């Protein structure tokens, strides 16, 4: 059974930080391309960050460059999203996403709210 389980979301003040985690099981994590997406209220889901199998070439949406960092720990089957300098426009449900052997997997999402 494939699972992607996100955690680490919550309420944070503008300028604050959060680290999201996504633990995967049921597929070959180490050879999968991993991503974080987000869906702000009333808007479409958008790609935030993506990391390759080796973790050597991450890429980011322009809106988060310099503030967010994606990383992976293949030994723990976990992908992270470190978020800093958070702003109200970062408020969204954040989803973990994986592509393994051509199959797409999604997590259930974790809510991040940036508000004073």
C-alpha atoms as a PDB file:
ATOM      1  CA  UNK A   1       0.000   0.000   0.000  1.00  0.00           C
ATOM      2  CA  UNK A   2       1.461   3.320  -1.115  1.00  0.00           C
ATOM      3  CA  UNK A   3       1.437   6.135   1.395  1.00  0.00           C
ATOM      4  CA  UNK A   4       2.775   9.668   1.474  1.00  0.00           C
ATOM      5  CA  UNK A   5       2.189  11.213   4.876  1.00  0.00           C
ATOM      6  CA  UNK A   6       2.906  14.906   5.358  1.00  0.00           C
ATOM      7  CA  UNK A   7       3.450  16.621   8.679  1.00  0.00           C
ATOM      8  CA  UNK A   8       4.787  19.878  10.045  1.00  0.00           C
ATOM      9  CA  UNK A   9       2.125  22.303   8.903  1.00  0.00           C
ATOM     10  CA  UNK A  10       0.480  24.820  11.173  1.00  0.00           C
ATOM     11  CA  UNK A  11      -0.026  28.471  11.977  1.00  0.00           C
ATOM     12  CA  UNK A  12       3.000  30.744  11.817  1.00  0.00           C
ATOM     13  CA  UNK A  13       3.502  34.507  11.925  1.00  0.00           C
ATOM     14  CA  UNK A  14       4.862  36.402   8.916  1.00  0.00           C
ATOM     15  CA  UNK A  15       8.628  36.084   8.797  1.00  0.00           C
ATOM     16  CA  UNK A  16       8.545  32.754  10.589  1.00  0.00           C
ATOM     17  CA  UNK A  17       9.722  29.303   9.569  1.00  0.00           C
ATOM     18  CA  UNK A  18       8.318  25.806   9.278  1.00  0.00           C
ATOM     19  CA  UNK A  19       9.690  22.489   8.136  1.00  0.00           C
ATOM     20  CA  UNK A  20       7.392  20.086   6.370  1.00  0.00           C
ATOM     21  CA  UNK A  21       8.129  16.373   6.242  1.00  0.00           C
ATOM     22  CA  UNK A  22       6.725  13.661   4.025  1.00  0.00           C
ATOM     23  CA  UNK A  23       7.322  10.025   4.864  1.00  0.00           C
ATOM     24  CA  UNK A  24       6.793   7.572   2.025  1.00  0.00           C
ATOM     25  CA  UNK A  25       6.136   3.861   1.932  1.00  0.00           C
ATOM     26  CA  UNK A  26       5.007   1.218  -0.521  1.00  0.00           C
ATOM     27  CA  UNK A  27       7.170   2.178  -3.492  1.00  0.00           C
ATOM     28  CA  UNK A  28      10.841   2.626  -4.372  1.00  0.00           C
ATOM     29  CA  UNK A  29      11.497   5.999  -2.808  1.00  0.00           C
ATOM     30  CA  UNK A  30      15.187   6.287  -3.679  1.00  0.00           C
ATOM     31  CA  UNK A  31      14.590   6.277  -7.443  1.00  0.00           C
ATOM     32  CA  UNK A  32      11.607   8.602  -7.389  1.00  0.00           C
ATOM     33  CA  UNK A  33      11.465  12.262  -8.293  1.00  0.00           C
ATOM     34  CA  UNK A  34       9.951  14.140  -5.371  1.00  0.00           C
ATOM     35  CA  UNK A  35       8.104  17.418  -5.255  1.00  0.00           C
ATOM     36  CA  UNK A  36       6.116  19.714  -3.047  1.00  0.00           C
ATOM     37  CA  UNK A  37       3.015  21.393  -4.440  1.00  0.00           C
ATOM     38  CA  UNK A  38       0.665  23.825  -2.790  1.00  0.00           C
ATOM     39  CA  UNK A  39      -2.889  24.981  -3.292  1.00  0.00           C
ATOM     40  CA  UNK A  40      -3.771  28.418  -1.914  1.00  0.00           C
ATOM     41  CA  UNK A  41      -7.411  29.112  -1.048  1.00  0.00           C
ATOM     42  CA  UNK A  42      -9.474  29.551  -4.196  1.00  0.00           C
ATOM     43  CA  UNK A  43      -6.515  28.916  -6.495  1.00  0.00           C
ATOM     44  CA  UNK A  44      -5.076  26.060  -8.503  1.00  0.00           C
ATOM     45  CA  UNK A  45      -2.432  23.705  -7.232  1.00  0.00           C
ATOM     46  CA  UNK A  46       1.091  24.827  -8.123  1.00  0.00           C
ATOM     47  CA  UNK A  47       4.556  23.346  -8.034  1.00  0.00           C
ATOM     48  CA  UNK A  48       6.715  24.693  -5.231  1.00  0.00           C
ATOM     49  CA  UNK A  49       9.897  22.635  -5.410  1.00  0.00           C
ATOM     50  CA  UNK A  50      11.240  19.476  -6.999  1.00  0.00           C
ATOM     51  CA  UNK A  51      14.255  17.303  -6.295  1.00  0.00           C
ATOM     52  CA  UNK A  52      15.844  14.638  -8.434  1.00  0.00           C
ATOM     53  CA  UNK A  53      16.729  11.103  -7.423  1.00  0.00           C
ATOM     54  CA  UNK A  54      20.190  12.107  -6.247  1.00  0.00           C
ATOM     55  CA  UNK A  55      19.110  15.402  -4.757  1.00  0.00           C
ATOM     56  CA  UNK A  56      21.734  17.277  -6.719  1.00  0.00           C
ATOM     57  CA  UNK A  57      19.531  19.525  -8.846  1.00  0.00           C
ATOM     58  CA  UNK A  58      16.574  20.966  -6.944  1.00  0.00           C
ATOM     59  CA  UNK A  59      14.387  23.529  -8.648  1.00  0.00           C
ATOM     60  CA  UNK A  60      11.956  26.020  -7.203  1.00  0.00           C
ATOM     61  CA  UNK A  61       9.073  28.244  -8.123  1.00  0.00           C
ATOM     62  CA  UNK A  62      10.226  31.831  -8.512  1.00  0.00           C
ATOM     63  CA  UNK A  63       7.978  32.873  -5.637  1.00  0.00           C
ATOM     64  CA  UNK A  64       9.901  30.736  -3.126  1.00  0.00           C
ATOM     65  CA  UNK A  65      13.485  30.880  -4.399  1.00  0.00           C
ATOM     66  CA  UNK A  66      15.882  31.851  -1.662  1.00  0.00           C
ATOM     67  CA  UNK A  67      13.306  31.143   1.052  1.00  0.00           C
ATOM     68  CA  UNK A  68      12.437  27.457   0.681  1.00  0.00           C
ATOM     69  CA  UNK A  69      14.751  24.449   0.529  1.00  0.00           C
ATOM     70  CA  UNK A  70      13.772  20.950  -0.549  1.00  0.00           C
ATOM     71  CA  UNK A  71      15.846  17.995   0.561  1.00  0.00           C
ATOM     72  CA  UNK A  72      15.551  14.236   0.794  1.00  0.00           C
ATOM     73  CA  UNK A  73      16.817  11.449   3.016  1.00  0.00           C
ATOM     74  CA  UNK A  74      16.598   8.207   1.080  1.00  0.00           C
ATOM     75  CA  UNK A  75      17.569   6.186   4.158  1.00  0.00           C
ATOM     76  CA  UNK A  76      14.462   7.486   5.927  1.00  0.00           C
ATOM     77  CA  UNK A  77      12.173   7.572   2.872  1.00  0.00           C
ATOM     78  CA  UNK A  78      11.524  11.193   3.709  1.00  0.00           C
ATOM     79  CA  UNK A  79      11.419  14.442   1.774  1.00  0.00           C
ATOM     80  CA  UNK A  80      11.520  17.797   3.516  1.00  0.00           C
ATOM     81  CA  UNK A  81      10.571  21.347   2.731  1.00  0.00           C
ATOM     82  CA  UNK A  82      12.274  23.940   4.894  1.00  0.00           C
ATOM     83  CA  UNK A  83      10.356  27.204   4.635  1.00  0.00           C
ATOM     84  CA  UNK A  84      11.627  30.507   5.965  1.00  0.00           C
ATOM     85  CA  UNK A  85      10.617  34.154   5.718  1.00  0.00           C
ATOM     86  CA  UNK A  86       7.044  32.985   5.347  1.00  0.00           C
ATOM     87  CA  UNK A  87       4.484  35.455   4.081  1.00  0.00           C
ATOM     88  CA  UNK A  88       0.672  35.449   4.070  1.00  0.00           C
ATOM     89  CA  UNK A  89       0.719  34.546   0.378  1.00  0.00           C
ATOM     90  CA  UNK A  90       2.404  31.264   1.322  1.00  0.00           C
ATOM     91  CA  UNK A  91      -0.815  30.190   3.018  1.00  0.00           C
ATOM     92  CA  UNK A  92      -1.956  26.992   1.343  1.00  0.00           C
ATOM     93  CA  UNK A  93      -2.393  23.271   1.651  1.00  0.00           C
ATOM     94  CA  UNK A  94       0.982  21.730   0.884  1.00  0.00           C
ATOM     95  CA  UNK A  95       1.125  18.356  -0.850  1.00  0.00           C
ATOM     96  CA  UNK A  96       3.894  15.837  -1.204  1.00  0.00           C
ATOM     97  CA  UNK A  97       4.216  14.332  -4.693  1.00  0.00           C
ATOM     98  CA  UNK A  98       6.288  11.479  -6.052  1.00  0.00           C
ATOM     99  CA  UNK A  99       6.856   9.962  -9.470  1.00  0.00           C
ATOM    100  CA  UNK A 100       8.207   6.444  -9.430  1.00  0.00           C
ATOM    101  CA  UNK A 101       8.434   4.240 -12.556  1.00  0.00           C
ATOM    102  CA  UNK A 102       5.941   6.484 -14.287  1.00  0.00           C
ATOM    103  CA  UNK A 103       3.381   6.289 -11.496  1.00  0.00           C
ATOM    104  CA  UNK A 104       2.285   9.445  -9.684  1.00  0.00           C
ATOM    105  CA  UNK A 105       1.600   9.480  -5.968  1.00  0.00           C
ATOM    106  CA  UNK A 106       0.097  12.247  -3.820  1.00  0.00           C
ATOM    107  CA  UNK A 107      -0.099  12.829  -0.120  1.00  0.00           C
ATOM    108  CA  UNK A 108      -3.215  14.073   1.640  1.00  0.00           C
ATOM    109  CA  UNK A 109      -1.779  17.512   2.308  1.00  0.00           C
ATOM    110  CA  UNK A 110      -0.905  19.621   5.317  1.00  0.00           C
ATOM    111  CA  UNK A 111      -2.236  23.102   5.991  1.00  0.00           C
ATOM    112  CA  UNK A 112       0.170  26.020   6.340  1.00  0.00           C
ATOM    113  CA  UNK A 113      -1.314  29.307   7.486  1.00  0.00           C
ATOM    114  CA  UNK A 114       0.780  32.454   7.706  1.00  0.00           C
ATOM    115  CA  UNK A 115      -0.985  35.129   9.701  1.00  0.00           C
ATOM    116  CA  UNK A 116      -0.418  37.573  12.505  1.00  0.00           C
END
